[in-house]
Amino acid sequence: MDSKGRLVVYLTIFVFLLNFITNSRFQRFSLSKPIIFWGVWIIYSAINLIITGYNGDLPFLWYLVLRLFTPFTVMLIVSVELYYAPKKILYVLLSTFIIYGLFILILVDNYSGFSGEQNVGAFGNMGPLNIMFIIFYSGLLFAHKWLKQQNLFFCILFAFLIIVLSATRKAFGAAVIMLTFIILSQIKLSPKKLVQVAVLSLITIWSINFALNNTTMGKRFTTIEESGMEYNTTDNETLNLLGDRAYFYIKGWSIFLEKPIAGIGLNNFPKIAESSYRIHSEYIVQITEGGIIGSSLFLFFYLWISLNLYNSWRKNKNNRSIILVLIGGFVAIIFINITAWTYEFSHYFACFGIIIGYLKKMK
């Protein structure tokens, strides 16, 4: 009803202020290191856009709230809720993404996942890139023994069904990463667990092979290197593995060398590079559009999560199954970042919020 997003803008500001004024827990989490790192990144990005010039379709204030502040607020709220009510927030998120998945199935007009061209439906690539988190949240609930094994299997099957039908390669790769860490989280020395993991692993391997050999997505995987050779204008053959995304790495790096300190400002690549497309890589976005300053803040945020995940895994032997699932979600986003930008989407920051909440809870 409101394609400009007024309702989301007003609700985001209202919810943030209401919690910040009345909720001491919310205030304490607002001052934690990862929240501060990303909050400073947002402030820097906004100031940088004022200096370099804003070229988006939305009004500037709307862009700041919808694309930057809303994901930040989601991350902060989810981290607080996870700390104090983990079971509730995990079920809320799992239910939300399952409902989202049902809408995708309804709105896809042509199920071409097993033949023909890619068809992502009305949701575009955002559909499968959202749905993959069903695996993450169901895996966490299962690690807590709050979800039965057959329900976990159903959730994973449902997520992979939509991803394969949409033929979205990066979502498939990220989903496999999450599933792999769920399997690793269940490896124990008991014979029953070993049998369960072996069966699940065989099913996973067979399913992946079937998808790669019999679906549109599998055919798209085989064309990656060929596409990369077309767009790669350098002597570095490794860039061929990025397919058509190689262009953004090459062009983005050359622009960064021209403005290395502050970058060109978020979403200004299409204008500077005279391209019809935004940078399809979070890493090149940070380097090219954020410069050394923006990419350093981005790196601090990711390093904090990485180091604390490692320390939690090392010190919390009783919670290693949960920590491995958290690592799977984090690694999946790191993988997505190679060929997509993620800083403006709330579903990634809901995952970050879950990870931050767990890390602070385990401390």
Protein backbone atom coordinates (compact mmCIF):
# COMPACT_ATOMS: atom_id res chain seq x y z
CA MET A 1 0.00 0.00 0.00
CA ASP A 2 2.99 2.30 0.61
CA SER A 3 5.82 1.59 -1.80
CA LYS A 4 7.76 4.54 -0.41
CA GLY A 5 8.05 2.75 2.94
CA ARG A 6 6.65 5.53 5.17
CA LEU A 7 5.15 3.05 7.64
CA VAL A 8 8.45 1.19 8.06
CA VAL A 9 10.31 4.49 8.53
CA TYR A 10 7.93 5.72 11.24
CA LEU A 11 7.77 2.36 13.01
CA THR A 12 11.54 1.91 12.99
CA ILE A 13 12.12 5.33 14.58
CA PHE A 14 9.25 4.84 17.05
CA VAL A 15 10.34 1.36 18.13
CA PHE A 16 13.96 2.37 18.54
CA LEU A 17 13.17 5.48 20.61
CA LEU A 18 10.55 3.71 22.73
CA ASN A 19 12.97 0.92 23.62
CA PHE A 20 15.92 3.23 24.16
CA ILE A 21 13.97 5.48 26.53
CA THR A 22 12.14 2.80 28.53
CA ASN A 23 14.27 -0.36 28.32
CA SER A 24 17.52 -0.45 30.32
CA ARG A 25 18.47 -3.77 28.71
CA PHE A 26 18.15 -2.17 25.27
CA GLN A 27 20.35 0.73 26.42
CA ARG A 28 23.08 -1.63 27.68
CA PHE A 29 23.12 -3.60 24.42
CA SER A 30 23.29 -0.33 22.45
CA LEU A 31 26.68 0.31 24.06
CA SER A 32 28.19 -3.10 23.21
CA LYS A 33 31.15 -3.19 20.83
CA PRO A 34 29.56 -4.78 17.71
CA ILE A 35 26.54 -2.47 17.94
CA ILE A 36 28.81 0.57 18.31
CA PHE A 37 31.00 -0.56 15.39
CA TRP A 38 28.02 -0.82 13.04
CA GLY A 39 26.36 2.30 14.44
CA VAL A 40 29.51 4.33 13.73
CA TRP A 41 29.63 2.75 10.23
CA ILE A 42 26.09 4.06 9.59
CA ILE A 43 26.95 7.56 10.85
CA TYR A 44 30.11 7.62 8.74
CA SER A 45 28.23 6.38 5.64
CA ALA A 46 25.57 9.06 6.07
CA ILE A 47 28.14 11.86 6.44
CA ASN A 48 30.12 10.49 3.52
CA LEU A 49 27.01 10.56 1.32
CA ILE A 50 26.36 14.19 2.25
CA ILE A 51 29.92 15.04 1.18
CA THR A 52 30.15 12.87 -1.96
CA GLY A 53 26.54 13.34 -3.06
CA TYR A 54 23.50 11.09 -2.82
CA ASN A 55 22.14 9.57 -6.04
CA GLY A 56 19.44 7.15 -4.86
CA ASP A 57 15.79 6.96 -5.87
CA LEU A 58 14.45 7.39 -2.31
CA PRO A 59 14.61 10.72 -0.43
CA PHE A 60 17.87 10.88 1.52
CA LEU A 61 16.29 10.55 4.99
CA TRP A 62 14.13 7.66 3.80
CA TYR A 63 17.21 5.92 2.41
CA LEU A 64 19.11 6.29 5.68
CA VAL A 65 16.27 4.84 7.75
CA LEU A 66 15.07 2.08 5.39
CA ARG A 67 18.42 0.87 4.08
CA LEU A 68 20.76 1.52 7.02
CA PHE A 69 18.94 2.19 10.29
CA THR A 70 16.21 -0.45 9.98
CA PRO A 71 18.64 -3.42 9.68
CA PHE A 72 20.63 -1.93 12.59
CA THR A 73 17.48 -1.69 14.74
CA VAL A 74 16.49 -5.25 13.84
CA MET A 75 19.94 -6.50 14.87
CA LEU A 76 19.78 -4.65 18.19
CA ILE A 77 16.26 -5.81 19.07
CA VAL A 78 16.95 -9.43 18.12
CA SER A 79 20.18 -9.51 20.17
CA VAL A 80 18.32 -8.23 23.26
CA GLU A 81 15.44 -10.69 22.78
CA LEU A 82 17.83 -13.60 22.28
CA TYR A 83 19.66 -12.75 25.50
CA TYR A 84 16.48 -12.73 27.61
CA ALA A 85 14.03 -14.97 25.70
CA PRO A 86 15.95 -17.21 23.23
CA LYS A 87 13.24 -19.80 22.60
CA LYS A 88 10.57 -17.21 21.84
CA ILE A 89 12.63 -15.13 19.43
CA LEU A 90 13.89 -18.21 17.56
CA TYR A 91 10.34 -19.46 17.07
CA VAL A 92 9.16 -15.98 16.03
CA LEU A 93 11.90 -15.77 13.39
CA LEU A 94 11.42 -19.35 12.15
CA SER A 95 7.66 -18.84 11.83
CA THR A 96 8.16 -15.52 10.04
CA PHE A 97 10.46 -17.01 7.40
CA ILE A 98 8.23 -20.07 6.89
CA ILE A 99 5.24 -17.76 6.24
CA TYR A 100 7.45 -15.77 3.87
CA GLY A 101 8.29 -19.04 2.09
CA LEU A 102 4.61 -19.88 1.65
CA PHE A 103 4.08 -16.52 -0.03
CA ILE A 104 6.94 -17.29 -2.39
CA LEU A 105 5.35 -20.59 -3.42
CA ILE A 106 2.05 -18.79 -4.07
CA LEU A 107 3.57 -15.94 -6.09
CA VAL A 108 6.01 -17.89 -8.30
CA ASP A 109 4.19 -18.05 -11.63
CA ASN A 110 6.43 -20.57 -13.39
CA TYR A 111 8.23 -23.40 -11.62
CA SER A 112 11.25 -23.62 -13.90
CA GLY A 113 13.71 -24.93 -11.33
CA PHE A 114 14.15 -28.23 -13.20
CA SER A 115 14.23 -26.93 -16.77
CA GLY A 116 14.51 -23.71 -18.69
CA GLU A 117 15.75 -20.33 -17.49
CA GLN A 118 16.04 -19.05 -13.96
CA ASN A 119 12.73 -17.86 -12.51
CA VAL A 120 12.85 -16.20 -9.11
CA GLY A 121 9.23 -15.01 -9.06
CA ALA A 122 7.86 -11.82 -7.54
CA PHE A 123 10.40 -11.76 -4.70
CA GLY A 124 13.45 -11.92 -6.95
CA ASN A 125 16.68 -13.28 -5.51
CA MET A 126 15.63 -11.92 -2.11
CA GLY A 127 13.17 -14.82 -1.84
CA PRO A 128 15.70 -17.67 -1.58
CA LEU A 129 18.22 -15.42 0.21
CA ASN A 130 15.64 -14.98 2.96
CA ILE A 131 14.41 -18.55 2.97
CA MET A 132 17.86 -20.03 3.57
CA PHE A 133 17.68 -18.73 7.16
CA ILE A 134 14.94 -21.27 7.89
CA ILE A 135 17.83 -23.76 8.06
CA PHE A 136 19.73 -21.53 10.52
CA TYR A 137 16.86 -20.95 12.96
CA SER A 138 15.56 -24.51 12.84
CA GLY A 139 19.13 -25.74 13.38
CA LEU A 140 19.46 -23.62 16.53
CA LEU A 141 16.12 -24.83 17.88
CA PHE A 142 17.17 -28.41 17.19
CA ALA A 143 20.52 -27.87 18.94
CA HIS A 144 18.57 -26.75 22.02
CA LYS A 145 16.26 -29.79 21.67
CA TRP A 146 13.35 -27.38 21.22
CA LEU A 147 12.56 -28.81 17.76
CA LYS A 148 12.04 -32.45 16.86
CA GLN A 149 14.30 -34.12 14.31
CA GLN A 150 11.47 -34.73 11.82
CA ASN A 151 10.47 -31.05 12.02
CA LEU A 152 14.08 -30.03 11.38
CA PHE A 153 14.14 -32.28 8.32
CA PHE A 154 10.87 -30.72 7.06
CA CYS A 155 12.22 -27.17 7.52
CA ILE A 156 15.45 -27.97 5.67
CA LEU A 157 13.57 -29.70 2.84
CA PHE A 158 11.15 -26.76 2.53
CA ALA A 159 14.03 -24.25 2.32
CA PHE A 160 15.96 -26.26 -0.27
CA LEU A 161 12.81 -26.78 -2.35
CA ILE A 162 12.32 -23.03 -2.78
CA ILE A 163 16.03 -22.40 -3.37
CA VAL A 164 16.25 -25.10 -6.07
CA LEU A 165 13.02 -23.91 -7.73
CA SER A 166 14.40 -20.37 -7.88
CA ALA A 167 17.80 -21.61 -9.16
CA THR A 168 19.69 -19.06 -7.04
CA ARG A 169 23.28 -20.29 -6.77
CA LYS A 170 24.52 -18.18 -3.87
CA ALA A 171 21.50 -19.09 -1.73
CA PHE A 172 22.11 -22.76 -2.49
CA GLY A 173 25.78 -22.51 -1.52
CA ALA A 174 24.95 -20.65 1.71
CA ALA A 175 22.23 -23.19 2.57
CA VAL A 176 24.71 -26.06 2.09
CA ILE A 177 27.16 -24.27 4.42
CA MET A 178 24.49 -23.91 7.13
CA LEU A 179 23.43 -27.54 6.75
CA THR A 180 27.05 -28.72 6.93
CA PHE A 181 27.57 -26.97 10.27
CA ILE A 182 24.30 -28.39 11.61
CA ILE A 183 25.58 -31.87 10.73
CA LEU A 184 28.95 -31.11 12.35
CA SER A 185 27.16 -29.90 15.48
CA GLN A 186 25.59 -33.36 15.90
CA ILE A 187 28.75 -35.43 15.54
CA LYS A 188 29.34 -37.19 18.83
CA LEU A 189 30.88 -40.55 19.72
CA SER A 190 27.61 -42.34 20.50
CA PRO A 191 26.70 -45.01 17.88
CA LYS A 192 23.17 -43.61 17.50
CA LYS A 193 24.44 -40.12 16.71
CA LEU A 194 27.02 -41.43 14.25
CA VAL A 195 24.35 -43.39 12.36
CA GLN A 196 22.02 -40.37 12.25
CA VAL A 197 24.78 -38.09 10.98
CA ALA A 198 25.89 -40.66 8.39
CA VAL A 199 22.34 -41.04 7.03
CA LEU A 200 21.81 -37.27 6.95
CA SER A 201 25.17 -36.77 5.22
CA LEU A 202 24.36 -39.36 2.54
CA ILE A 203 20.96 -37.75 1.90
CA THR A 204 22.63 -34.33 1.69
CA ILE A 205 25.31 -35.50 -0.75
CA TRP A 206 22.76 -37.25 -2.95
CA SER A 207 20.46 -34.20 -2.92
CA ILE A 208 23.29 -31.84 -3.87
CA ASN A 209 24.40 -34.09 -6.73
CA PHE A 210 20.82 -34.40 -7.96
CA ALA A 211 20.32 -30.64 -7.85
CA LEU A 212 23.57 -29.95 -9.71
CA ASN A 213 22.88 -32.54 -12.42
CA ASN A 214 19.14 -32.10 -12.99
CA THR A 215 18.16 -28.51 -12.32
CA THR A 216 18.44 -25.08 -13.91
CA MET A 217 20.56 -24.02 -10.95
CA GLY A 218 23.02 -26.85 -11.67
CA LYS A 219 23.30 -25.72 -15.28
CA ARG A 220 23.95 -22.17 -14.06
CA PHE A 221 26.84 -23.42 -11.91
CA THR A 222 28.52 -24.91 -15.00
CA THR A 223 28.52 -21.53 -16.79
CA ILE A 224 30.25 -19.56 -14.00
CA GLU A 225 33.81 -19.87 -15.29
CA GLU A 226 32.78 -19.30 -18.91
CA SER A 227 30.97 -16.11 -17.87
CA GLY A 228 33.96 -15.06 -15.78
CA MET A 229 36.31 -15.35 -18.76
CA GLU A 230 34.05 -12.96 -20.65
CA TYR A 231 34.09 -10.26 -17.93
CA ASN A 232 37.62 -10.79 -16.60
CA THR A 233 39.91 -8.30 -18.34
CA THR A 234 42.95 -9.13 -16.20
CA ASP A 235 45.53 -11.92 -16.21
CA ASN A 236 44.25 -13.21 -12.85
CA GLU A 237 42.43 -16.45 -13.73
CA THR A 238 41.03 -16.76 -10.19
CA LEU A 239 38.57 -13.99 -11.02
CA ASN A 240 36.97 -16.32 -13.58
CA LEU A 241 35.42 -18.19 -10.64
CA LEU A 242 33.32 -15.09 -9.88
CA GLY A 243 31.45 -15.30 -13.18
CA ASP A 244 29.94 -11.99 -14.30
CA ARG A 245 30.69 -10.55 -10.83
CA ALA A 246 34.37 -10.30 -11.86
CA TYR A 247 33.52 -6.96 -13.50
CA PHE A 248 32.63 -5.40 -10.12
CA TYR A 249 35.89 -6.57 -8.54
CA ILE A 250 38.00 -5.17 -11.37
CA LYS A 251 36.15 -1.88 -11.84
CA GLY A 252 35.56 -1.38 -8.12
CA TRP A 253 39.24 -1.79 -7.31
CA SER A 254 40.28 0.71 -9.97
CA ILE A 255 37.81 3.28 -8.56
CA PHE A 256 39.08 2.61 -5.02
CA LEU A 257 42.64 3.44 -6.11
CA GLU A 258 41.37 6.85 -7.26
CA LYS A 259 39.54 7.60 -3.95
CA PRO A 260 41.04 5.28 -1.34
CA ILE A 261 40.39 7.12 1.94
CA ALA A 262 36.64 7.82 2.01
CA GLY A 263 35.44 6.09 -1.15
CA ILE A 264 32.74 7.35 -3.48
CA GLY A 265 29.74 6.99 -1.15
CA LEU A 266 27.18 4.22 -0.86
CA ASN A 267 25.30 3.28 -4.02
CA ASN A 268 27.29 5.77 -6.15
CA PHE A 269 29.04 3.10 -8.21
CA PRO A 270 26.45 3.10 -11.05
CA LYS A 271 26.97 6.83 -11.61
CA ILE A 272 30.78 6.82 -11.32
CA ALA A 273 31.25 3.65 -13.39
CA GLU A 274 28.42 4.52 -15.82
CA SER A 275 26.89 1.12 -15.09
CA SER A 276 23.28 -0.05 -14.88
CA TYR A 277 24.07 -2.28 -11.92
CA ARG A 278 25.04 -1.82 -8.29
CA ILE A 279 28.15 -3.57 -6.98
CA HIS A 280 27.28 -7.24 -6.41
CA SER A 281 29.81 -7.83 -3.63
CA GLU A 282 29.69 -6.60 -0.05
CA TYR A 283 33.49 -6.54 0.12
CA ILE A 284 33.88 -4.37 -2.98
CA VAL A 285 31.03 -2.12 -1.78
CA GLN A 286 32.91 -1.47 1.44
CA ILE A 287 36.25 -0.89 -0.30
CA THR A 288 35.00 1.16 -3.24
CA GLU A 289 32.08 3.08 -1.75
CA GLY A 290 33.27 3.24 1.87
CA GLY A 291 36.99 3.57 1.31
CA ILE A 292 39.58 2.67 3.93
CA ILE A 293 37.52 4.31 6.70
CA GLY A 294 34.25 2.52 5.95
CA SER A 295 35.87 -0.85 5.21
CA SER A 296 37.85 -0.64 8.48
CA LEU A 297 34.64 -0.20 10.50
CA PHE A 298 33.09 -3.07 8.54
CA LEU A 299 36.15 -5.21 9.30
CA PHE A 300 36.02 -4.37 13.04
CA PHE A 301 32.40 -5.56 13.16
CA TYR A 302 33.13 -8.86 11.40
CA LEU A 303 36.35 -9.44 13.35
CA TRP A 304 34.55 -8.98 16.68
CA ILE A 305 32.05 -11.67 15.72
CA SER A 306 34.78 -13.99 14.37
CA LEU A 307 37.04 -13.72 17.42
CA ASN A 308 34.19 -14.09 19.90
CA LEU A 309 32.79 -17.12 18.09
CA TYR A 310 36.22 -18.73 18.28
CA ASN A 311 36.66 -17.88 21.97
CA SER A 312 33.17 -19.13 22.81
CA TRP A 313 33.79 -22.41 20.98
CA ARG A 314 37.07 -22.85 22.85
CA LYS A 315 35.72 -22.02 26.33
CA ASN A 316 32.14 -23.39 26.21
CA LYS A 317 32.47 -27.12 25.62
CA ASN A 318 28.86 -27.77 26.68
CA ASN A 319 27.50 -25.34 24.07
CA ARG A 320 29.62 -26.33 21.08
CA SER A 321 26.66 -27.70 19.09
CA ILE A 322 24.94 -24.30 19.33
CA ILE A 323 28.15 -22.41 18.54
CA LEU A 324 28.76 -24.52 15.42
CA VAL A 325 25.28 -23.63 14.10
CA LEU A 326 26.06 -19.95 14.80
CA ILE A 327 29.35 -20.29 12.91
CA GLY A 328 27.43 -21.83 10.00
CA GLY A 329 25.13 -18.79 9.79
CA PHE A 330 28.05 -16.38 9.96
CA VAL A 331 30.12 -18.25 7.34
CA ALA A 332 27.05 -18.38 5.07
CA ILE A 333 26.81 -14.57 5.14
CA ILE A 334 30.55 -14.27 4.50
CA PHE A 335 29.98 -16.49 1.43
CA ILE A 336 26.99 -14.43 0.24
CA ASN A 337 29.11 -11.28 0.56
CA ILE A 338 31.33 -12.49 -2.29
CA THR A 339 28.63 -11.97 -4.93
CA ALA A 340 26.00 -9.77 -3.27
CA TRP A 341 25.72 -6.69 -1.06
CA THR A 342 24.15 -7.32 2.36
CA TYR A 343 24.47 -4.12 4.43
CA GLU A 344 20.93 -2.91 3.72
CA PHE A 345 18.89 -6.10 4.32
CA SER A 346 17.33 -6.87 7.68
CA HIS A 347 17.34 -10.67 7.33
CA TYR A 348 21.14 -10.74 7.50
CA PHE A 349 21.14 -8.47 10.54
CA ALA A 350 18.55 -10.59 12.31
CA CYS A 351 21.12 -13.39 12.01
CA PHE A 352 23.86 -11.07 13.33
CA GLY A 353 21.56 -10.15 16.22
CA ILE A 354 21.08 -13.82 17.11
CA ILE A 355 24.86 -14.41 17.05
CA ILE A 356 25.63 -11.31 19.15
CA GLY A 357 22.93 -12.22 21.68
CA TYR A 358 24.32 -15.74 22.08
CA LEU A 359 27.91 -14.52 22.39
CA LYS A 360 27.01 -12.05 25.14
CA LYS A 361 24.84 -14.69 26.87
CA MET A 362 27.67 -17.25 26.85
CA LYS A 363 30.08 -14.72 28.33
